[in-house]
């Protein structure tokens, strides 16, 4: 039986809007994406 994995990618997009969010949250990342393949060829993005 082969295991199934979910890959989570956290990024800082660098847009003006996200810079404003970071100013208040002090969080290093502001964008999350998930993928079901190891090579990250197809990502599902949440903002």
N, C-alpha and C. Protein backbone atom coordinates (compact mmCIF):
# COMPACT_ATOMS: atom_id res chain seq x y z
N UNK A 1 0.85 -1.18 0.00
CA UNK A 1 0.00 0.00 0.00
C UNK A 1 0.89 1.25 0.00
N UNK A 2 0.68 2.10 -0.94
CA UNK A 2 1.47 3.32 -1.07
C UNK A 2 0.79 4.45 -0.30
N UNK A 3 1.60 5.22 0.47
CA UNK A 3 1.05 6.34 1.23
C UNK A 3 0.69 7.51 0.33
N UNK A 4 -0.28 8.26 0.75
CA UNK A 4 -0.68 9.47 0.03
C UNK A 4 -0.25 10.66 0.86
N UNK A 5 0.24 11.68 0.18
CA UNK A 5 0.76 12.84 0.87
C UNK A 5 0.08 14.11 0.37
N UNK A 6 0.00 15.08 1.25
CA UNK A 6 -0.43 16.43 0.91
C UNK A 6 0.74 17.34 1.23
N UNK A 7 1.16 18.12 0.26
CA UNK A 7 2.28 19.03 0.43
C UNK A 7 1.74 20.44 0.62
N UNK A 8 2.22 21.12 1.64
CA UNK A 8 1.78 22.48 1.95
C UNK A 8 2.93 23.43 1.69
N UNK A 9 2.68 24.42 0.89
CA UNK A 9 3.69 25.41 0.52
C UNK A 9 3.26 26.77 1.07
N UNK A 10 4.08 27.34 1.95
CA UNK A 10 3.80 28.67 2.52
C UNK A 10 4.76 29.66 1.87
N UNK A 11 4.22 30.79 1.41
CA UNK A 11 5.06 31.77 0.72
C UNK A 11 4.71 33.19 1.16
N UNK A 12 5.59 34.09 0.80
CA UNK A 12 5.35 35.52 0.97
C UNK A 12 5.26 36.08 -0.45
N UNK A 13 4.08 36.50 -0.85
CA UNK A 13 3.87 36.92 -2.24
C UNK A 13 4.45 38.29 -2.56
N UNK A 14 4.65 39.12 -1.54
CA UNK A 14 5.31 40.41 -1.75
C UNK A 14 4.44 41.51 -2.35
N UNK A 15 3.13 41.29 -2.42
CA UNK A 15 2.27 42.33 -2.97
C UNK A 15 2.04 43.43 -1.92
N UNK A 16 1.55 44.55 -2.35
CA UNK A 16 1.28 45.66 -1.44
C UNK A 16 0.27 45.25 -0.36
N UNK A 17 -0.75 44.51 -0.78
CA UNK A 17 -1.78 44.05 0.16
C UNK A 17 -1.17 43.13 1.23
N UNK A 18 -0.35 42.19 0.83
CA UNK A 18 0.23 41.26 1.80
C UNK A 18 1.29 41.94 2.67
N UNK A 19 1.94 42.93 2.15
CA UNK A 19 2.88 43.70 2.99
C UNK A 19 2.13 44.40 4.10
N UNK A 20 0.93 44.88 3.80
CA UNK A 20 0.09 45.52 4.82
C UNK A 20 -0.32 44.51 5.88
N UNK A 21 -0.69 43.32 5.46
CA UNK A 21 -1.07 42.26 6.40
C UNK A 21 0.11 41.91 7.30
N UNK A 22 1.29 41.75 6.71
CA UNK A 22 2.48 41.39 7.48
C UNK A 22 2.83 42.45 8.52
N UNK A 23 2.56 43.68 8.20
CA UNK A 23 2.87 44.78 9.12
C UNK A 23 2.13 44.58 10.45
N UNK A 24 0.91 44.08 10.38
CA UNK A 24 0.10 43.89 11.58
C UNK A 24 0.22 42.50 12.19
N UNK A 25 0.36 41.47 11.38
CA UNK A 25 0.40 40.11 11.91
C UNK A 25 1.80 39.68 12.33
N UNK A 26 2.83 40.29 11.74
CA UNK A 26 4.23 39.92 11.99
C UNK A 26 4.52 38.47 11.56
N UNK A 27 3.64 37.89 10.76
CA UNK A 27 3.81 36.53 10.26
C UNK A 27 4.77 36.54 9.06
N UNK A 28 5.71 35.60 8.98
CA UNK A 28 6.67 35.59 7.87
C UNK A 28 6.05 35.19 6.53
N UNK A 29 4.95 34.45 6.56
CA UNK A 29 4.31 33.99 5.33
C UNK A 29 2.86 34.43 5.33
N UNK A 30 2.31 34.67 4.15
CA UNK A 30 0.94 35.16 4.07
C UNK A 30 0.11 34.45 3.01
N UNK A 31 0.64 33.42 2.41
CA UNK A 31 -0.05 32.73 1.33
C UNK A 31 0.18 31.23 1.49
N UNK A 32 -0.87 30.44 1.32
CA UNK A 32 -0.77 28.99 1.44
C UNK A 32 -1.25 28.32 0.16
N UNK A 33 -0.53 27.29 -0.24
CA UNK A 33 -0.91 26.47 -1.39
C UNK A 33 -0.75 25.01 -0.99
N UNK A 34 -1.56 24.14 -1.57
CA UNK A 34 -1.40 22.70 -1.34
C UNK A 34 -1.22 21.99 -2.67
N UNK A 35 -0.59 20.84 -2.59
CA UNK A 35 -0.37 20.02 -3.78
C UNK A 35 -0.48 18.56 -3.37
N UNK A 36 -0.84 17.73 -4.32
CA UNK A 36 -0.93 16.29 -4.07
C UNK A 36 0.19 15.53 -4.78
N UNK A 37 1.07 16.24 -5.47
CA UNK A 37 2.19 15.57 -6.13
C UNK A 37 3.52 16.15 -5.63
N UNK A 38 4.51 15.30 -5.51
CA UNK A 38 5.81 15.64 -4.94
C UNK A 38 6.52 16.75 -5.71
N UNK A 39 6.33 16.82 -7.01
CA UNK A 39 7.02 17.81 -7.84
C UNK A 39 6.35 19.18 -7.82
N UNK A 40 5.23 19.29 -7.15
CA UNK A 40 4.48 20.55 -7.05
C UNK A 40 4.10 21.12 -8.40
N UNK A 41 3.77 20.23 -9.33
CA UNK A 41 3.39 20.68 -10.68
C UNK A 41 2.00 21.30 -10.70
N UNK A 42 1.13 20.86 -9.83
CA UNK A 42 -0.23 21.40 -9.77
C UNK A 42 -0.50 21.82 -8.33
N UNK A 43 -0.75 23.12 -8.14
CA UNK A 43 -0.97 23.67 -6.82
C UNK A 43 -2.38 24.23 -6.70
N UNK A 44 -2.94 24.11 -5.52
CA UNK A 44 -4.23 24.74 -5.21
C UNK A 44 -3.91 25.82 -4.19
N UNK A 45 -4.33 27.03 -4.51
CA UNK A 45 -3.89 28.18 -3.75
C UNK A 45 -5.01 28.81 -2.95
N UNK A 46 -4.66 29.25 -1.74
CA UNK A 46 -5.59 29.92 -0.84
C UNK A 46 -4.93 31.20 -0.38
N UNK A 47 -5.68 32.25 -0.28
CA UNK A 47 -5.09 33.52 0.11
C UNK A 47 -5.88 34.13 1.24
